[in-house]
Amino acid sequence: MHTKNQWLLAAVLAVLLVVATWYCVAVWQATPMPLYGNIILAVAAIFILVSGCGLIALMFYSRRKGYDEPARSNRTPRE
């Protein structure tokens, strides 16, 4: 029963991917975008990619240096 549900989920996700791709292509080809729009889109995509990679690199750096460890204290708690 478990594999039948997995196949059903995969089929539904594949259909959603095809529909979303078809819609994106239809909208993209509906009206042409001017050159400055393509330039702005490309710059924004590059900026998002660089900032995302930078944040992931900071996450790995933080984890490796131990900054993500829980806080510890040598003091005894007050009652």
N, C-alpha and C. Protein backbone atom coordinates (compact mmCIF):
# COMPACT_ATOMS: atom_id res chain seq x y z
N MET A 1 0.83 -1.20 0.00
CA MET A 1 0.00 0.00 0.00
C MET A 1 0.87 1.26 0.00
N HIS A 2 2.02 1.16 0.65
CA HIS A 2 2.90 2.32 0.76
C HIS A 2 3.43 2.73 -0.62
N THR A 3 3.80 1.78 -1.46
CA THR A 3 4.34 2.12 -2.78
C THR A 3 3.25 2.66 -3.70
N LYS A 4 2.01 2.22 -3.53
CA LYS A 4 0.92 2.75 -4.36
C LYS A 4 0.72 4.24 -4.07
N ASN A 5 0.79 4.61 -2.79
CA ASN A 5 0.66 6.02 -2.43
C ASN A 5 1.83 6.85 -2.98
N GLN A 6 3.02 6.27 -2.96
CA GLN A 6 4.18 6.99 -3.49
C GLN A 6 4.04 7.21 -4.99
N TRP A 7 3.58 6.19 -5.71
CA TRP A 7 3.38 6.35 -7.15
C TRP A 7 2.30 7.38 -7.46
N LEU A 8 1.24 7.38 -6.66
CA LEU A 8 0.17 8.36 -6.86
C LEU A 8 0.69 9.77 -6.60
N LEU A 9 1.45 9.94 -5.53
CA LEU A 9 2.04 11.25 -5.23
C LEU A 9 2.98 11.69 -6.34
N ALA A 10 3.81 10.79 -6.83
CA ALA A 10 4.73 11.12 -7.92
C ALA A 10 3.97 11.51 -9.18
N ALA A 11 2.88 10.82 -9.47
CA ALA A 11 2.08 11.15 -10.66
C ALA A 11 1.44 12.53 -10.53
N VAL A 12 0.89 12.82 -9.34
CA VAL A 12 0.26 14.13 -9.13
C VAL A 12 1.30 15.24 -9.24
N LEU A 13 2.47 15.04 -8.65
CA LEU A 13 3.52 16.05 -8.73
C LEU A 13 4.02 16.23 -10.16
N ALA A 14 4.11 15.14 -10.92
CA ALA A 14 4.53 15.24 -12.32
C ALA A 14 3.50 16.03 -13.14
N VAL A 15 2.22 15.78 -12.90
CA VAL A 15 1.17 16.53 -13.60
C VAL A 15 1.25 18.01 -13.24
N LEU A 16 1.44 18.32 -11.97
CA LEU A 16 1.57 19.72 -11.55
C LEU A 16 2.78 20.39 -12.20
N LEU A 17 3.88 19.65 -12.32
CA LEU A 17 5.08 20.19 -12.97
C LEU A 17 4.82 20.49 -14.44
N VAL A 18 4.14 19.59 -15.12
CA VAL A 18 3.83 19.80 -16.55
C VAL A 18 2.90 20.99 -16.72
N VAL A 19 1.87 21.10 -15.88
CA VAL A 19 0.92 22.21 -15.98
C VAL A 19 1.62 23.54 -15.68
N ALA A 20 2.45 23.57 -14.65
CA ALA A 20 3.17 24.80 -14.31
C ALA A 20 4.13 25.20 -15.41
N THR A 21 4.82 24.23 -16.02
CA THR A 21 5.74 24.52 -17.12
C THR A 21 4.97 25.05 -18.32
N TRP A 22 3.85 24.43 -18.64
CA TRP A 22 3.04 24.89 -19.77
C TRP A 22 2.57 26.32 -19.54
N TYR A 23 2.09 26.61 -18.33
CA TYR A 23 1.61 27.96 -18.02
C TYR A 23 2.74 28.99 -18.12
N CYS A 24 3.90 28.66 -17.60
CA CYS A 24 5.03 29.59 -17.66
C CYS A 24 5.43 29.88 -19.09
N VAL A 25 5.49 28.86 -19.91
CA VAL A 25 5.86 29.05 -21.32
C VAL A 25 4.79 29.88 -22.03
N ALA A 26 3.52 29.63 -21.74
CA ALA A 26 2.43 30.39 -22.38
C ALA A 26 2.49 31.86 -21.99
N VAL A 27 2.74 32.15 -20.72
CA VAL A 27 2.82 33.54 -20.27
C VAL A 27 4.07 34.20 -20.83
N TRP A 28 5.17 33.47 -20.87
CA TRP A 28 6.44 34.03 -21.35
C TRP A 28 6.33 34.44 -22.81
N GLN A 29 5.59 33.67 -23.61
CA GLN A 29 5.49 33.95 -25.04
C GLN A 29 4.32 34.87 -25.39
N ALA A 30 3.48 35.22 -24.41
CA ALA A 30 2.29 36.01 -24.70
C ALA A 30 2.66 37.42 -25.17
N THR A 31 3.45 38.12 -24.38
CA THR A 31 3.87 39.47 -24.76
C THR A 31 5.38 39.57 -24.63
N PRO A 32 6.03 40.09 -25.63
CA PRO A 32 7.49 40.20 -25.54
C PRO A 32 7.90 41.26 -24.52
N MET A 33 8.96 40.98 -23.81
CA MET A 33 9.47 41.92 -22.82
C MET A 33 10.57 42.76 -23.49
N PRO A 34 10.61 44.05 -23.16
CA PRO A 34 11.67 44.88 -23.74
C PRO A 34 13.04 44.47 -23.21
N LEU A 35 14.07 44.93 -23.87
CA LEU A 35 15.44 44.55 -23.53
C LEU A 35 15.79 44.93 -22.10
N TYR A 36 15.39 46.11 -21.65
CA TYR A 36 15.73 46.52 -20.28
C TYR A 36 15.05 45.62 -19.26
N GLY A 37 13.89 45.07 -19.59
CA GLY A 37 13.23 44.13 -18.69
C GLY A 37 14.01 42.84 -18.55
N ASN A 38 14.56 42.35 -19.67
CA ASN A 38 15.39 41.15 -19.62
C ASN A 38 16.67 41.40 -18.83
N ILE A 39 17.24 42.57 -18.99
CA ILE A 39 18.47 42.91 -18.24
C ILE A 39 18.17 42.96 -16.75
N ILE A 40 17.08 43.62 -16.37
CA ILE A 40 16.71 43.70 -14.95
C ILE A 40 16.43 42.31 -14.40
N LEU A 41 15.74 41.48 -15.16
CA LEU A 41 15.45 40.11 -14.72
C LEU A 41 16.73 39.31 -14.53
N ALA A 42 17.68 39.44 -15.45
CA ALA A 42 18.95 38.71 -15.34
C ALA A 42 19.75 39.18 -14.13
N VAL A 43 19.81 40.50 -13.90
CA VAL A 43 20.55 41.03 -12.75
C VAL A 43 19.90 40.56 -11.45
N ALA A 44 18.58 40.57 -11.39
CA ALA A 44 17.89 40.12 -10.19
C ALA A 44 18.13 38.63 -9.95
N ALA A 45 18.11 37.82 -10.99
CA ALA A 45 18.36 36.39 -10.84
C ALA A 45 19.77 36.13 -10.35
N ILE A 46 20.74 36.85 -10.89
CA ILE A 46 22.13 36.69 -10.45
C ILE A 46 22.27 37.13 -9.00
N PHE A 47 21.64 38.25 -8.63
CA PHE A 47 21.70 38.73 -7.24
C PHE A 47 21.10 37.72 -6.27
N ILE A 48 19.97 37.15 -6.63
CA ILE A 48 19.33 36.15 -5.77
C ILE A 48 20.20 34.91 -5.65
N LEU A 49 20.80 34.48 -6.75
CA LEU A 49 21.66 33.30 -6.72
C LEU A 49 22.89 33.55 -5.84
N VAL A 50 23.53 34.70 -5.98
CA VAL A 50 24.72 35.02 -5.19
C VAL A 50 24.38 35.16 -3.72
N SER A 51 23.29 35.85 -3.41
CA SER A 51 22.92 36.02 -2.00
C SER A 51 22.51 34.68 -1.38
N GLY A 52 21.82 33.84 -2.11
CA GLY A 52 21.45 32.52 -1.59
C GLY A 52 22.68 31.65 -1.34
N CYS A 53 23.62 31.65 -2.26
CA CYS A 53 24.85 30.88 -2.06
C CYS A 53 25.65 31.44 -0.90
N GLY A 54 25.68 32.76 -0.75
CA GLY A 54 26.38 33.36 0.37
C GLY A 54 25.77 32.99 1.70
N LEU A 55 24.45 33.00 1.78
CA LEU A 55 23.79 32.62 3.03
C LEU A 55 24.01 31.15 3.37
N ILE A 56 24.01 30.29 2.37
CA ILE A 56 24.29 28.88 2.62
C ILE A 56 25.73 28.69 3.07
N ALA A 57 26.67 29.44 2.45
CA ALA A 57 28.06 29.36 2.88
C ALA A 57 28.21 29.83 4.32
N LEU A 58 27.52 30.91 4.70
CA LEU A 58 27.57 31.37 6.09
C LEU A 58 26.99 30.34 7.04
N MET A 59 25.95 29.64 6.61
CA MET A 59 25.36 28.61 7.45
C MET A 59 26.37 27.48 7.70
N PHE A 60 27.07 27.03 6.66
CA PHE A 60 28.07 25.99 6.84
C PHE A 60 29.24 26.48 7.68
N TYR A 61 29.67 27.72 7.48
CA TYR A 61 30.76 28.30 8.26
C TYR A 61 30.37 28.38 9.73
N SER A 62 29.15 28.83 10.00
CA SER A 62 28.67 28.96 11.37
C SER A 62 28.59 27.60 12.04
N ARG A 63 28.12 26.61 11.33
CA ARG A 63 28.00 25.27 11.90
C ARG A 63 29.37 24.68 12.21
N ARG A 64 30.33 24.89 11.33
CA ARG A 64 31.65 24.32 11.50
C ARG A 64 32.42 24.98 12.65
N LYS A 65 32.19 26.27 12.86
CA LYS A 65 32.87 26.99 13.93
C LYS A 65 32.22 26.80 15.29
N GLY A 66 31.05 26.17 15.34
CA GLY A 66 30.40 25.89 16.60
C GLY A 66 29.48 26.99 17.09
N TYR A 67 29.15 27.94 16.24
CA TYR A 67 28.27 29.04 16.65
C TYR A 67 26.82 28.58 16.83
N ASP A 68 26.48 27.41 16.34
CA ASP A 68 25.12 26.92 16.43
C ASP A 68 24.87 26.03 17.64
N GLU A 69 25.87 25.89 18.47
CA GLU A 69 25.71 25.07 19.67
C GLU A 69 24.81 25.79 20.66
N PRO A 70 24.08 25.03 21.49
CA PRO A 70 23.22 25.69 22.49
C PRO A 70 24.06 26.43 23.54
N ALA A 71 23.50 27.47 24.09
CA ALA A 71 24.21 28.27 25.10
C ALA A 71 24.36 27.46 26.37
N ARG A 72 25.52 27.60 27.01
CA ARG A 72 25.79 26.91 28.27
C ARG A 72 26.29 27.92 29.28
N SER A 73 26.03 27.64 30.53
CA SER A 73 26.46 28.54 31.58
C SER A 73 26.98 27.72 32.75
N ASN A 74 27.98 28.23 33.43
CA ASN A 74 28.51 27.56 34.62
C ASN A 74 27.77 27.99 35.89
N ARG A 75 26.94 29.00 35.77
CA ARG A 75 26.19 29.49 36.93
C ARG A 75 25.08 28.54 37.28
N THR A 76 24.77 28.50 38.56
CA THR A 76 23.64 27.69 39.01
C THR A 76 22.35 28.51 38.87
N PRO A 77 21.26 27.88 38.51
CA PRO A 77 20.01 28.63 38.34
C PRO A 77 19.49 29.12 39.69
N ARG A 78 18.89 30.31 39.68
CA ARG A 78 18.28 30.87 40.90
C ARG A 78 16.96 30.18 41.18
N GLU A 79 16.65 30.10 42.43
CA GLU A 79 15.37 29.48 42.80
C GLU A 79 14.42 30.50 43.34
